[in-house]
Amino acid sequence: MQENNNQNVVNEEVELSEILQIRRDKLTALQEAGADPFEITKFDVSTLSQDAIKTFESREAELAESGEKIVVSVGGRMMSRRIMGKASFAHLMDEQGQIQLYVSRNDLGDDDYASFKKWDIGDVIGVEGVLFRTRTGEVSIHVKKATLLAKSLLPLPEKFHGLKDLETRYRQRYVDLIVNPEVKDTFYKRSQILKEIRAYLDGKGFLEVDTPILVPLEIGASARPFVTHHNTLDMDMYLRIETELYLKRLIVGGMHRVYEVGRIFRNEGMDTKHNPEFTTIELYQAFTDYKGMMDLVEELYKLLAVKICGSEKITYQGIEIDMGKWERLTMAEAVKKYSGADYYAWADDADARRVAKELHVEVSDDATKGRVLIELFDAYVEENLIQPTFIYDYPVENSPLAKRKPTEPAFTERFEYFINATEFGNAFSELNDPIDQKERFEKQVAQKLAEEPNSKAEVDYDYVTALEYGMPPTGGLGFGIDRLVMLLTDSASIRDVLLFPTMKPLADN
């Protein structure tokens, strides 16, 4: 059996090699005949495939009565062809879909029809003709003129069992889009999602801005940056891991509602939810707090569900998610609900560590009550947050940029929201006390250097200076566009919603 399989592979490789040579020979013959398709610079397209079909169907009765003809010119890729002597049927695919072509020797003439029969599946062509309905009921183009616009020197994968392997699909997205046209729908929806988000925020008075991607220092955050070197300035620079600090500088400067849709870069692991470069949106609004950001998230996500999916109830990987119902729990309430541990019953840090041990959650010997609460949340809560849930009031230990709660200084005015046991976004009542901020930054950087002695993490003292000029009370929010697109397009992996995900290069043959 193994020998037969090996022989099949060899036969396929021989067949493919022959096909490649035949296609190159066809191109050479065209060039020698003065008909090089790659010398064509333009083809006037009057309509797209599905628009043409809809136009014909809407006017079909009128056309039958008047005898008028609808003339169109359409460009795209030839995806099939059936030659029947003096006439042929083919299908042309453009960005909207496919439309059938009827091509005959009587219309094209002997020479042009003979040339058409030599074209290959995958060739890019342009046709001009008249819309009509065939006897089998399919709206088609009766072709009067056909032009070869680009020669496909490689056969489409259907010839060799289709393009199903995920790695190949991600590496060769251009082929994936050709042979799996339903993939396009995900990326059209991605574009629509971004358009709707921008429209929503613009309607709320937010201003879209751009901030630097190359930044001069590595901050103390846990995310690991990519490092590059600026030759003229002779200094290392870093690809940004967030847009937050620049956007809040703008709040200080009096631009009181700003947002940025931007690429973020983190030199970290990769899995179905993480890619080294990804798209986020961060927005900041003066004179509001994290509760205002909660209301914004809930309103926006309901709107997106309806706009993109047609209902507040969507299905993700077989699970129904109701975007119309959001639960709100403090982190302490959530931990008590799912683990039984009551933060407010702990006498001190040692008591909290004792509870963690009883619940089989490992914490450090010097863990504070706040740190224990965080560890219990990770161990017991997140996996249960299937329906949309806000978790708010985070311990100050893991929230260096959030404002403390005036009534409970051990907590900050911060929330994250979860859907299908996945964190989708993060928001704060932004810390605007420059003295507190400086202290937290310095502590964060010291901790980073203790953990990674070779780290070049620094305190962003310029941001502290900005705060010293005075920043109004501000609500801030950041969320990942890629995970949102995954949710609204029912995509299992982040690679399914990135046109060109990060991939390790194939070894040279």
Protein backbone atom coordinates (compact mmCIF):
# COMPACT_ATOMS: atom_id res chain seq x y z
CA MET A 1 0.00 0.00 0.00
CA GLN A 2 2.84 2.40 0.92
CA GLU A 3 4.51 1.66 -2.41
CA ASN A 4 1.27 2.52 -4.26
CA ASN A 5 0.95 5.79 -2.34
CA ASN A 6 4.52 6.74 -3.16
CA GLN A 7 3.92 5.95 -6.82
CA ASN A 8 0.81 8.15 -6.81
CA VAL A 9 2.84 11.05 -5.42
CA VAL A 10 5.49 10.55 -8.10
CA ASN A 11 2.84 10.41 -10.83
CA GLU A 12 1.24 13.62 -9.55
CA GLU A 13 4.60 15.38 -9.49
CA VAL A 14 5.30 14.30 -13.07
CA GLU A 15 1.84 15.40 -14.17
CA LEU A 16 2.25 18.77 -12.44
CA SER A 17 5.66 19.28 -14.03
CA GLU A 18 4.16 18.60 -17.47
CA ILE A 19 1.30 21.03 -16.84
CA LEU A 20 3.71 23.78 -15.77
CA GLN A 21 5.76 23.30 -18.93
CA ILE A 22 2.67 23.28 -21.15
CA ARG A 23 1.45 26.56 -19.66
CA ARG A 24 4.83 28.21 -20.14
CA ASP A 25 4.96 26.97 -23.70
CA LYS A 26 1.53 28.54 -24.31
CA LEU A 27 2.78 31.86 -22.95
CA THR A 28 5.88 31.69 -25.16
CA ALA A 29 3.68 31.01 -28.21
CA LEU A 30 1.49 34.03 -27.37
CA GLN A 31 4.51 36.26 -26.95
CA GLU A 32 6.05 35.10 -30.22
CA ALA A 33 2.73 35.81 -31.95
CA GLY A 34 2.71 39.36 -30.60
CA ALA A 35 -0.18 38.61 -28.20
CA ASP A 36 1.59 38.80 -24.83
CA PRO A 37 -1.24 39.13 -22.27
CA PHE A 38 1.12 40.79 -19.78
CA GLU A 39 1.50 43.77 -22.11
CA ILE A 40 -2.20 44.65 -21.72
CA THR A 41 -2.47 47.58 -19.30
CA LYS A 42 -6.21 48.12 -19.01
CA PHE A 43 -9.61 46.52 -19.44
CA ASP A 44 -12.78 48.55 -18.96
CA VAL A 45 -15.12 46.73 -16.57
CA SER A 46 -18.68 48.07 -16.71
CA THR A 47 -20.18 45.93 -13.93
CA LEU A 48 -19.53 43.07 -11.52
CA SER A 49 -20.95 39.58 -11.90
CA GLN A 50 -23.72 39.59 -9.30
CA ASP A 51 -24.70 43.18 -10.07
CA ALA A 52 -25.10 42.16 -13.71
CA ILE A 53 -27.31 39.20 -12.77
CA LYS A 54 -29.47 41.33 -10.47
CA THR A 55 -29.86 44.02 -13.13
CA PHE A 56 -30.98 41.49 -15.71
CA GLU A 57 -33.43 39.81 -13.35
CA SER A 58 -34.98 43.12 -12.31
CA ARG A 59 -35.53 44.14 -15.96
CA GLU A 60 -36.15 40.75 -17.57
CA ALA A 61 -39.85 41.27 -18.34
CA GLU A 62 -39.21 44.74 -19.70
CA LEU A 63 -36.35 43.47 -21.90
CA ALA A 64 -38.47 40.65 -23.29
CA GLU A 65 -41.18 43.13 -24.28
CA SER A 66 -38.92 45.82 -25.74
CA GLY A 67 -36.24 43.64 -27.29
CA GLU A 68 -33.57 45.79 -25.69
CA LYS A 69 -30.25 44.16 -24.80
CA ILE A 70 -28.01 44.82 -21.80
CA VAL A 71 -24.39 44.98 -22.88
CA VAL A 72 -21.76 44.39 -20.21
CA SER A 73 -18.01 43.97 -19.88
CA VAL A 74 -16.77 41.84 -16.98
CA GLY A 75 -13.27 40.90 -15.86
CA GLY A 76 -12.16 38.02 -13.68
CA ARG A 77 -10.70 34.52 -13.52
CA MET A 78 -11.91 31.61 -15.64
CA MET A 79 -12.88 28.90 -13.16
CA SER A 80 -14.40 26.27 -15.45
CA ARG A 81 -14.93 25.56 -19.14
CA ARG A 82 -16.89 23.03 -21.14
CA ILE A 83 -16.06 22.92 -24.86
CA MET A 84 -18.77 21.56 -27.17
CA GLY A 85 -17.40 21.87 -30.67
CA LYS A 86 -18.35 25.28 -32.07
CA ALA A 87 -19.54 26.62 -28.71
CA SER A 88 -18.40 26.54 -25.10
CA PHE A 89 -19.68 27.35 -21.64
CA ALA A 90 -17.38 28.77 -18.98
CA HIS A 91 -17.60 30.46 -15.60
CA LEU A 92 -15.87 33.71 -14.77
CA MET A 93 -15.24 34.63 -11.13
CA ASP A 94 -14.77 38.21 -9.96
CA GLU A 95 -14.86 39.74 -6.49
CA GLN A 96 -18.64 39.26 -6.22
CA GLY A 97 -18.91 35.66 -7.38
CA GLN A 98 -19.32 33.74 -10.61
CA ILE A 99 -21.25 34.28 -13.83
CA GLN A 100 -21.65 31.86 -16.74
CA LEU A 101 -20.28 32.67 -20.17
CA TYR A 102 -21.56 31.40 -23.51
CA VAL A 103 -18.76 31.56 -26.10
CA SER A 104 -19.21 30.53 -29.74
CA ARG A 105 -17.08 30.43 -32.87
CA ASN A 106 -19.79 32.33 -34.76
CA ASP A 107 -19.42 35.31 -32.43
CA LEU A 108 -15.65 35.34 -31.91
CA GLY A 109 -14.53 34.12 -35.32
CA ASP A 110 -12.39 31.10 -36.10
CA ASP A 111 -9.04 32.46 -34.91
CA ASP A 112 -10.22 34.05 -31.67
CA TYR A 113 -12.33 31.04 -30.77
CA ALA A 114 -9.36 28.73 -31.41
CA SER A 115 -7.29 30.93 -29.09
CA PHE A 116 -10.01 30.85 -26.42
CA LYS A 117 -9.97 27.04 -26.45
CA LYS A 118 -6.23 27.13 -25.62
CA TRP A 119 -6.73 29.23 -22.52
CA ASP A 120 -6.46 27.50 -19.14
CA ILE A 121 -8.54 27.34 -16.00
CA GLY A 122 -7.20 30.11 -13.75
CA ASP A 123 -6.41 32.53 -16.57
CA VAL A 124 -7.55 36.11 -16.00
CA ILE A 125 -9.84 37.21 -18.81
CA GLY A 126 -12.11 40.05 -19.83
CA VAL A 127 -15.32 39.55 -21.79
CA GLU A 128 -17.81 41.82 -23.49
CA GLY A 129 -21.27 40.61 -24.37
CA VAL A 130 -25.01 40.58 -23.85
CA LEU A 131 -26.88 39.31 -20.80
CA PHE A 132 -29.42 36.53 -21.42
CA ARG A 133 -30.98 33.53 -19.72
CA THR A 134 -30.08 30.05 -20.96
CA ARG A 135 -32.57 27.27 -21.55
CA THR A 136 -31.59 25.81 -18.18
CA GLY A 137 -32.48 29.12 -16.52
CA GLU A 138 -29.03 30.53 -15.71
CA VAL A 139 -28.39 34.22 -16.33
CA SER A 140 -25.27 34.33 -18.50
CA ILE A 141 -23.20 36.52 -20.79
CA HIS A 142 -23.40 35.84 -24.53
CA VAL A 143 -19.78 36.72 -25.26
CA LYS A 144 -19.03 38.86 -28.32
CA LYS A 145 -15.39 39.53 -27.49
CA ALA A 146 -12.93 37.82 -25.13
CA THR A 147 -9.48 38.98 -24.09
CA LEU A 148 -6.73 37.14 -22.22
CA LEU A 149 -5.47 39.61 -19.59
CA ALA A 150 -3.04 37.47 -17.55
CA LYS A 151 -1.77 33.94 -18.04
CA SER A 152 -1.95 31.63 -15.01
CA LEU A 153 1.29 29.69 -15.07
CA LEU A 154 0.31 27.56 -12.08
CA PRO A 155 -2.79 25.34 -11.99
CA LEU A 156 -5.40 25.97 -9.31
CA PRO A 157 -5.27 23.42 -6.46
CA GLU A 158 -8.56 21.67 -7.28
CA LYS A 159 -6.64 19.65 -9.82
CA PHE A 160 -4.65 18.25 -6.91
CA HIS A 161 -7.35 17.52 -4.34
CA GLY A 162 -8.15 21.13 -3.44
CA LEU A 163 -6.59 23.57 -1.01
CA LYS A 164 -7.59 22.17 2.37
CA ASP A 165 -4.38 22.16 4.42
CA LEU A 166 -4.60 25.09 6.84
CA GLU A 167 -0.88 25.85 6.78
CA THR A 168 -0.93 26.11 3.00
CA ARG A 169 -4.07 28.23 3.05
CA TYR A 170 -2.51 30.71 5.47
CA ARG A 171 0.78 30.84 3.57
CA GLN A 172 -0.88 31.22 0.18
CA ARG A 173 -3.90 33.33 1.07
CA TYR A 174 -4.06 34.52 -2.54
CA VAL A 175 -4.83 30.96 -3.66
CA ASP A 176 -7.14 30.37 -0.69
CA LEU A 177 -9.26 33.35 -1.76
CA ILE A 178 -9.50 31.99 -5.30
CA VAL A 179 -10.46 28.39 -4.58
CA ASN A 180 -12.33 28.94 -1.30
CA PRO A 181 -14.33 32.07 -2.12
CA GLU A 182 -16.37 31.80 1.09
CA VAL A 183 -13.19 32.92 2.87
CA LYS A 184 -13.68 36.36 1.35
CA ASP A 185 -16.84 36.79 3.39
CA THR A 186 -14.83 36.80 6.62
CA PHE A 187 -12.64 39.63 5.40
CA TYR A 188 -15.52 41.63 3.96
CA LYS A 189 -17.14 41.34 7.40
CA ARG A 190 -13.91 42.42 9.05
CA SER A 191 -13.95 45.56 6.95
CA GLN A 192 -17.61 46.12 7.77
CA ILE A 193 -16.94 45.69 11.51
CA LEU A 194 -14.22 48.36 11.41
CA LYS A 195 -16.49 50.65 9.41
CA GLU A 196 -19.32 50.26 11.93
CA ILE A 197 -17.00 50.85 14.91
CA ARG A 198 -15.64 54.02 13.34
CA ALA A 199 -19.14 55.23 12.48
CA TYR A 200 -20.32 54.59 16.03
CA LEU A 201 -17.40 56.41 17.65
CA ASP A 202 -17.45 59.26 15.15
CA GLY A 203 -21.14 59.67 15.94
CA LYS A 204 -20.24 59.96 19.62
CA GLY A 205 -17.85 62.83 18.89
CA PHE A 206 -14.60 60.85 19.00
CA LEU A 207 -11.67 61.86 16.79
CA GLU A 208 -9.57 59.18 15.09
CA VAL A 209 -5.83 59.83 15.43
CA ASP A 210 -2.48 58.18 14.68
CA THR A 211 0.33 57.77 17.19
CA PRO A 212 3.91 56.43 16.78
CA ILE A 213 4.54 52.79 16.02
CA LEU A 214 8.29 53.13 16.62
CA VAL A 215 8.82 54.28 20.20
CA PRO A 216 12.05 55.31 21.95
CA LEU A 217 11.87 53.23 25.10
CA GLU A 218 10.76 49.89 26.48
CA ILE A 219 8.23 50.42 29.23
CA GLY A 220 7.91 48.17 32.25
CA ALA A 221 4.85 46.26 31.07
CA SER A 222 4.99 42.49 30.98
CA ALA A 223 4.62 42.29 27.20
CA ARG A 224 7.93 41.69 25.41
CA PRO A 225 8.60 44.15 22.58
CA PHE A 226 10.30 43.77 19.22
CA VAL A 227 13.55 45.72 19.06
CA THR A 228 15.07 47.47 16.07
CA HIS A 229 17.83 50.05 15.56
CA HIS A 230 17.58 53.52 14.09
CA ASN A 231 20.82 54.12 12.20
CA THR A 232 20.68 57.90 11.90
CA LEU A 233 19.93 58.43 15.58
CA ASP A 234 22.13 55.45 16.54
CA MET A 235 19.59 54.22 19.06
CA ASP A 236 17.48 51.17 19.69
CA MET A 237 13.77 51.64 19.16
CA TYR A 238 10.79 49.42 19.93
CA LEU A 239 7.64 48.47 18.09
CA ARG A 240 4.78 49.61 20.27
CA ILE A 241 3.00 47.18 22.57
CA GLU A 242 0.13 49.63 23.19
CA THR A 243 -1.18 53.02 22.07
CA GLU A 244 -2.37 54.10 25.51
CA LEU A 245 0.25 56.54 26.73
CA TYR A 246 0.32 58.66 23.58
CA LEU A 247 -3.47 58.81 23.41
CA LYS A 248 -3.70 59.99 27.02
CA ARG A 249 -1.14 62.69 26.25
CA LEU A 250 -3.74 63.97 23.78
CA ILE A 251 -6.37 64.04 26.54
CA VAL A 252 -3.97 66.25 28.51
CA GLY A 253 -3.63 68.45 25.43
CA GLY A 254 -7.37 69.06 25.26
CA MET A 255 -8.44 66.49 22.64
CA HIS A 256 -11.05 65.02 24.92
CA ARG A 257 -12.42 62.13 22.83
CA VAL A 258 -9.83 60.24 20.80
CA TYR A 259 -9.38 56.74 19.42
CA GLU A 260 -6.90 54.84 17.32
CA VAL A 261 -7.27 51.64 15.31
CA GLY A 262 -3.72 50.43 15.22
CA ARG A 263 -1.33 47.57 14.78
CA ILE A 264 0.29 46.33 18.00
CA PHE A 265 3.41 44.14 18.19
CA ARG A 266 4.34 41.72 20.98
CA ASN A 267 7.28 39.34 20.78
CA GLU A 268 5.47 36.49 22.50
CA GLY A 269 3.85 33.11 21.92
CA MET A 270 1.46 32.17 19.16
CA ASP A 271 -1.75 30.15 19.39
CA THR A 272 -5.33 30.26 18.13
CA LYS A 273 -5.93 33.57 19.96
CA HIS A 274 -2.52 35.24 19.63
CA ASN A 275 -0.46 36.55 16.73
CA PRO A 276 2.74 38.62 17.18
CA GLU A 277 1.14 41.53 15.36
CA PHE A 278 -2.52 42.26 15.86
CA THR A 279 -5.02 45.09 15.60
CA THR A 280 -6.54 46.88 18.54
CA ILE A 281 -8.66 49.91 19.12
CA GLU A 282 -8.02 52.13 22.10
CA LEU A 283 -10.27 55.05 22.98
CA TYR A 284 -10.24 57.66 25.71
CA GLN A 285 -12.98 60.01 26.84
CA ALA A 286 -12.49 62.84 29.29
CA PHE A 287 -14.94 63.52 32.11
CA THR A 288 -16.22 59.95 32.35
CA ASP A 289 -15.12 56.80 34.16
CA TYR A 290 -14.97 53.03 33.69
CA LYS A 291 -18.73 52.72 34.17
CA GLY A 292 -19.16 55.01 31.16
CA MET A 293 -16.86 52.70 29.20
CA MET A 294 -18.99 49.72 30.27
CA ASP A 295 -22.09 51.35 28.85
CA LEU A 296 -20.23 52.12 25.61
CA VAL A 297 -19.03 48.52 25.20
CA GLU A 298 -22.47 47.07 25.77
CA GLU A 299 -24.12 49.45 23.32
CA LEU A 300 -21.42 48.95 20.67
CA TYR A 301 -21.40 45.14 20.84
CA LYS A 302 -25.19 44.94 20.60
CA LEU A 303 -25.06 47.19 17.54
CA LEU A 304 -22.31 45.14 15.89
CA ALA A 305 -24.13 41.86 16.47
CA VAL A 306 -27.23 43.19 14.76
CA LYS A 307 -25.34 44.92 11.92
CA ILE A 308 -23.02 42.00 11.14
CA CYS A 309 -25.03 38.94 12.19
CA GLY A 310 -28.61 40.23 11.97
CA SER A 311 -29.46 39.57 15.64
CA GLU A 312 -28.26 40.20 19.17
CA LYS A 313 -28.09 36.41 19.51
CA ILE A 314 -25.14 34.95 17.63
CA THR A 315 -23.61 31.49 17.42
CA TYR A 316 -19.91 30.93 18.04
CA GLN A 317 -18.49 27.43 17.57
CA GLY A 318 -21.88 25.91 18.31
CA ILE A 319 -22.58 28.04 21.41
CA GLU A 320 -25.35 30.63 21.39
CA ILE A 321 -24.15 33.98 22.73
CA ASP A 322 -26.73 36.61 23.68
CA MET A 323 -25.12 39.99 23.10
CA GLY A 324 -28.25 41.63 24.44
CA LYS A 325 -27.62 40.44 28.02
CA TRP A 326 -24.51 41.41 29.96
CA GLU A 327 -23.75 40.41 33.54
CA ARG A 328 -21.72 42.75 35.79
CA LEU A 329 -19.69 41.32 38.68
CA THR A 330 -16.83 42.65 40.76
CA MET A 331 -13.82 40.36 40.78
CA ALA A 332 -14.52 39.57 44.44
CA GLU A 333 -18.15 38.71 43.65
CA ALA A 334 -17.11 36.48 40.74
CA VAL A 335 -14.54 34.59 42.83
CA LYS A 336 -17.09 34.03 45.59
CA LYS A 337 -19.71 32.89 43.06
CA TYR A 338 -17.50 30.28 41.39
CA SER A 339 -15.06 29.23 44.14
CA GLY A 340 -16.88 30.04 47.37
CA ALA A 341 -13.90 32.09 48.62
CA ASP A 342 -14.92 35.41 50.16
CA TYR A 343 -12.28 38.11 49.83
CA TYR A 344 -13.93 40.24 52.50
CA ALA A 345 -13.74 37.40 55.02
CA TRP A 346 -9.94 37.10 54.77
CA ALA A 347 -8.26 38.52 57.87
CA ASP A 348 -4.96 39.35 56.21
CA ASP A 349 -2.53 38.25 53.47
CA ALA A 350 -1.58 35.08 55.32
CA ASP A 351 -5.23 34.12 55.67
CA ALA A 352 -5.71 34.66 51.93
CA ARG A 353 -2.74 32.38 51.17
CA ARG A 354 -4.25 29.73 53.45
CA VAL A 355 -7.53 29.86 51.48
CA ALA A 356 -5.63 29.55 48.21
CA LYS A 357 -3.87 26.43 49.49
CA GLU A 358 -7.20 24.91 50.55
CA LEU A 359 -8.52 25.54 47.04
CA HIS A 360 -5.37 23.97 45.51
CA VAL A 361 -4.21 27.22 43.91
CA GLU A 362 -0.48 27.86 44.07
CA VAL A 363 0.58 31.37 45.11
CA SER A 364 3.91 32.86 46.15
CA ASP A 365 4.94 32.97 49.81
CA ASP A 366 4.58 36.75 49.85
CA ALA A 367 1.29 36.92 47.90
CA THR A 368 -1.05 39.68 49.02
CA LYS A 369 -4.82 39.40 49.33
CA GLY A 370 -5.12 41.13 45.98
CA ARG A 371 -2.70 38.74 44.29
CA VAL A 372 -4.53 35.73 45.76
CA LEU A 373 -7.82 37.09 44.45
CA ILE A 374 -6.34 37.35 40.97
CA GLU A 375 -5.02 33.78 41.08
CA LEU A 376 -8.37 32.43 42.26
CA PHE A 377 -10.10 34.29 39.46
CA ASP A 378 -7.80 32.70 36.88
CA ALA A 379 -8.29 29.25 38.38
CA TYR A 380 -12.03 29.24 39.01
CA VAL A 381 -13.85 32.02 37.20
CA GLU A 382 -12.75 32.73 33.64
CA GLU A 383 -13.73 29.34 32.21
CA ASN A 384 -17.32 29.95 33.34
CA LEU A 385 -17.77 33.31 31.64
CA ILE A 386 -19.53 32.11 28.49
CA GLN A 387 -22.18 34.79 28.16
CA PRO A 388 -21.03 38.45 27.97
CA THR A 389 -19.76 39.45 31.43
CA PHE A 390 -18.04 42.50 32.85
CA ILE A 391 -15.60 41.77 35.67
CA TYR A 392 -14.73 45.00 37.45
CA ASP A 393 -12.87 46.41 40.45
CA TYR A 394 -9.44 44.78 40.01
CA PRO A 395 -6.77 44.66 42.72
CA VAL A 396 -4.22 47.44 42.44
CA GLU A 397 -1.46 44.79 42.18
CA ASN A 398 -2.15 44.16 38.47
CA SER A 399 -3.55 47.53 37.39
CA PRO A 400 -0.69 50.06 37.21
CA LEU A 401 -2.58 52.53 35.02
CA ALA A 402 -6.00 52.46 36.66
CA LYS A 403 -7.33 54.87 39.29
CA ARG A 404 -7.83 53.53 42.80
CA LYS A 405 -11.37 53.26 44.12
CA PRO A 406 -11.80 56.13 46.58
CA THR A 407 -13.80 53.91 48.94
CA GLU A 408 -11.53 50.84 48.62
CA PRO A 409 -7.91 51.81 47.86
CA ALA A 410 -6.91 48.14 47.52
CA PHE A 411 -8.93 48.04 44.29
CA THR A 412 -8.88 50.01 41.06
CA GLU A 413 -11.66 51.21 38.81
CA ARG A 414 -10.91 48.72 36.07
CA PHE A 415 -12.89 46.12 34.18
CA GLU A 416 -12.31 43.42 31.63
CA TYR A 417 -15.10 41.78 29.70
CA PHE A 418 -15.36 38.13 28.76
CA ILE A 419 -17.29 36.18 26.15
CA ASN A 420 -16.99 32.42 25.63
CA ALA A 421 -14.41 32.22 28.43
CA THR A 422 -12.15 34.66 26.57
CA GLU A 423 -11.10 38.16 27.55
CA PHE A 424 -12.11 40.64 24.87
CA GLY A 425 -11.23 44.05 26.27
CA ASN A 426 -9.86 46.10 29.13
CA ALA A 427 -10.93 49.47 30.54
CA PHE A 428 -10.03 51.87 33.33
CA SER A 429 -10.94 54.98 35.11
CA GLU A 430 -7.56 56.33 34.10
CA LEU A 431 -5.02 57.20 36.75
CA ASN A 432 -4.38 60.94 36.53
CA ASP A 433 -2.41 61.48 39.74
CA PRO A 434 1.18 62.02 38.50
CA ILE A 435 2.75 61.23 41.89
CA ASP A 436 0.90 57.92 42.23
CA GLN A 437 1.59 57.13 38.56
CA LYS A 438 5.33 57.74 38.94
CA GLU A 439 5.50 55.48 41.97
CA ARG A 440 3.63 52.69 40.19
CA PHE A 441 5.81 52.98 37.09
CA GLU A 442 8.99 52.84 39.13
CA LYS A 443 7.75 49.82 41.06
CA GLN A 444 6.72 48.11 37.82
CA VAL A 445 10.11 48.72 36.18
CA ALA A 446 11.97 47.57 39.31
CA GLN A 447 9.98 44.34 39.32
CA LYS A 448 10.65 43.81 35.61
CA LEU A 449 14.41 44.31 36.10
CA ALA A 450 14.39 41.93 39.05
CA GLU A 451 12.75 39.25 36.92
CA GLU A 452 14.78 40.01 33.78
CA PRO A 453 18.14 41.61 34.66
CA ASN A 454 18.98 42.15 30.97
CA SER A 455 15.75 44.03 30.31
CA LYS A 456 16.06 47.65 29.18
CA ALA A 457 12.73 48.65 30.70
CA GLU A 458 12.48 52.32 31.68
CA VAL A 459 9.96 54.61 33.30
CA ASP A 460 8.22 56.86 30.78
CA TYR A 461 8.94 60.05 32.67
CA ASP A 462 7.67 62.19 29.80
CA TYR A 463 4.22 60.69 30.34
CA VAL A 464 4.49 61.54 34.04
CA THR A 465 5.38 65.10 33.00
CA ALA A 466 2.26 65.21 30.85
CA LEU A 467 0.14 64.19 33.83
CA GLU A 468 1.75 66.94 35.90
CA TYR A 469 0.10 69.47 33.58
CA GLY A 470 -3.23 67.95 34.61
CA MET A 471 -5.39 65.32 32.96
CA PRO A 472 -9.15 65.46 33.57
CA PRO A 473 -10.98 62.40 34.90
CA THR A 474 -10.94 60.02 31.95
CA GLY A 475 -12.39 56.69 30.94
CA GLY A 476 -10.24 54.50 28.70
CA LEU A 477 -10.96 51.30 26.77
CA GLY A 478 -8.95 48.95 24.61
CA PHE A 479 -10.05 45.80 22.78
CA GLY A 480 -8.72 43.50 20.10
CA ILE A 481 -10.27 43.75 16.67
CA ASP A 482 -9.10 40.28 15.67
CA ARG A 483 -10.88 38.47 18.50
CA LEU A 484 -14.01 40.49 17.83
CA VAL A 485 -13.91 39.47 14.17
CA MET A 486 -13.42 35.84 15.22
CA LEU A 487 -16.54 36.09 17.37
CA LEU A 488 -18.75 37.74 14.75
CA THR A 489 -17.62 35.49 11.89
CA ASP A 490 -17.61 32.23 13.90
CA SER A 491 -13.88 31.71 13.22
CA ALA A 492 -12.00 29.27 15.41
CA SER A 493 -8.51 30.72 15.01
CA ILE A 494 -7.04 34.22 14.82
CA ARG A 495 -5.28 33.08 11.65
CA ASP A 496 -8.68 32.75 9.99
CA VAL A 497 -9.30 36.49 10.38
CA LEU A 498 -5.82 37.74 9.41
CA LEU A 499 -5.21 37.90 5.69
CA PHE A 500 -1.52 37.20 6.18
CA PRO A 501 -0.83 35.71 9.65
CA THR A 502 2.74 35.40 10.89
CA MET A 503 4.25 32.13 9.65
CA LYS A 504 7.64 30.51 9.98
CA PRO A 505 9.31 30.47 6.54
CA LEU A 506 9.46 27.13 4.79
CA ALA A 507 12.88 25.57 4.57
CA ASP A 508 14.57 26.05 1.22
CA ASN A 509 14.25 23.07 -1.03
